[in-house]
Protein backbone atom coordinates (compact mmCIF):
# COMPACT_ATOMS: atom_id res chain seq x y z
CA MET A 1 -7.20 -14.13 8.63
CA TYR A 2 -4.28 -12.18 8.57
CA SER A 3 -1.12 -12.80 7.00
CA PHE A 4 2.06 -12.43 9.44
CA THR A 5 5.13 -11.60 7.86
CA SER A 6 8.57 -12.51 8.59
CA GLU A 7 9.03 -9.26 10.32
CA ASP A 8 6.50 -10.13 12.68
CA LEU A 9 7.55 -13.32 13.35
CA LEU A 10 11.06 -12.31 13.96
CA GLN A 11 9.34 -9.38 16.60
CA TYR A 12 7.39 -12.17 18.15
CA LEU A 13 10.86 -14.65 18.76
CA TYR A 14 12.09 -11.43 20.45
CA GLY A 15 9.19 -10.96 22.38
CA GLU A 16 8.78 -7.28 20.70
CA THR A 17 5.16 -7.60 19.69
CA SER A 18 1.98 -6.15 20.93
CA THR A 19 0.05 -8.32 23.23
CA ALA A 20 -2.74 -8.30 21.19
CA LYS A 21 -0.35 -9.34 17.65
CA THR A 22 0.81 -11.72 20.34
CA ALA A 23 -2.18 -13.42 20.88
CA ALA A 24 -3.06 -13.56 16.85
CA ILE A 25 0.29 -15.41 16.23
CA LYS A 26 -0.38 -17.61 18.93
CA THR A 27 -3.64 -18.45 18.04
CA ALA A 28 -2.48 -18.52 13.73
CA LEU A 29 0.40 -20.91 15.22
CA GLN A 30 -1.95 -23.66 16.64
CA ASN A 31 -3.70 -23.71 12.68
CA ASP A 32 -1.54 -22.79 10.49
CA TRP A 33 1.31 -25.77 9.29
CA SER A 34 3.24 -23.20 7.01
CA LEU A 35 3.77 -20.35 9.78
CA GLN A 36 4.92 -22.61 12.01
CA GLU A 37 7.65 -23.91 9.62
CA LYS A 38 8.46 -20.37 9.16
CA LEU A 39 8.20 -19.74 13.19
CA ALA A 40 10.64 -22.76 13.34
CA LEU A 41 13.71 -21.89 10.81
CA LEU A 42 13.61 -18.33 12.02
CA ASN A 43 13.79 -19.77 15.54
CA THR A 44 16.90 -22.25 14.56
CA SER A 45 18.59 -19.11 12.73
CA LYS A 46 18.21 -17.14 15.59
CA MET A 47 19.49 -20.14 17.88
CA GLU A 48 22.78 -19.74 15.45
CA LEU A 49 23.50 -16.56 15.50
CA ASP A 50 23.14 -16.26 18.85
CA THR A 51 26.08 -19.00 19.06
CA LEU A 52 28.38 -16.75 17.13
CA ASN A 53 31.01 -15.33 18.58
CA PHE A 54 31.79 -12.22 16.49
CA SER A 55 33.12 -8.91 16.79
CA PRO A 56 33.18 -6.61 12.78
CA SER A 57 36.24 -5.25 12.72
CA THR A 58 37.47 -1.63 13.77
CA THR A 59 37.19 -0.29 10.12
CA SER A 60 33.65 -1.90 9.71
CA ILE A 61 31.79 0.00 12.30
CA ASN A 62 34.14 3.02 10.95
CA ASN A 63 32.63 2.60 7.95
CA ILE A 64 28.76 1.99 9.00
CA LEU A 65 29.04 5.47 11.20
CA LYS A 66 30.58 8.14 8.61
CA TYR A 67 28.01 6.44 6.26
CA ALA A 68 24.99 7.17 9.06
CA GLU A 69 26.53 10.69 9.28
CA LYS A 70 26.81 11.82 5.71
CA ALA A 71 22.83 10.60 5.81
CA VAL A 72 22.02 12.68 8.53
CA GLU A 73 23.71 15.33 7.28
CA GLU A 74 22.28 15.26 3.48
CA LEU A 75 18.58 15.27 5.50
CA THR A 76 20.03 17.99 7.55
CA THR A 77 21.35 20.28 4.89
CA PRO A 78 18.98 22.75 3.15
CA ALA A 79 19.03 22.00 -0.43
């Protein structure tokens, strides 16, 4: 039996799993109470996040972009 991670379950919730993985998760959910609880918790969290009306500040977005830009420069600049 395959052990599914939280990431696997999140991908399942968002419809991002392969057909084979989706089928495996559905089968596992029929018999695994613990997996059902994890999925229910993630689904509740997803629904709560979907109801939020939040936009990050321009400063936050710019800081993230600067950080990403710096990381790309470090990866592409020869040592």
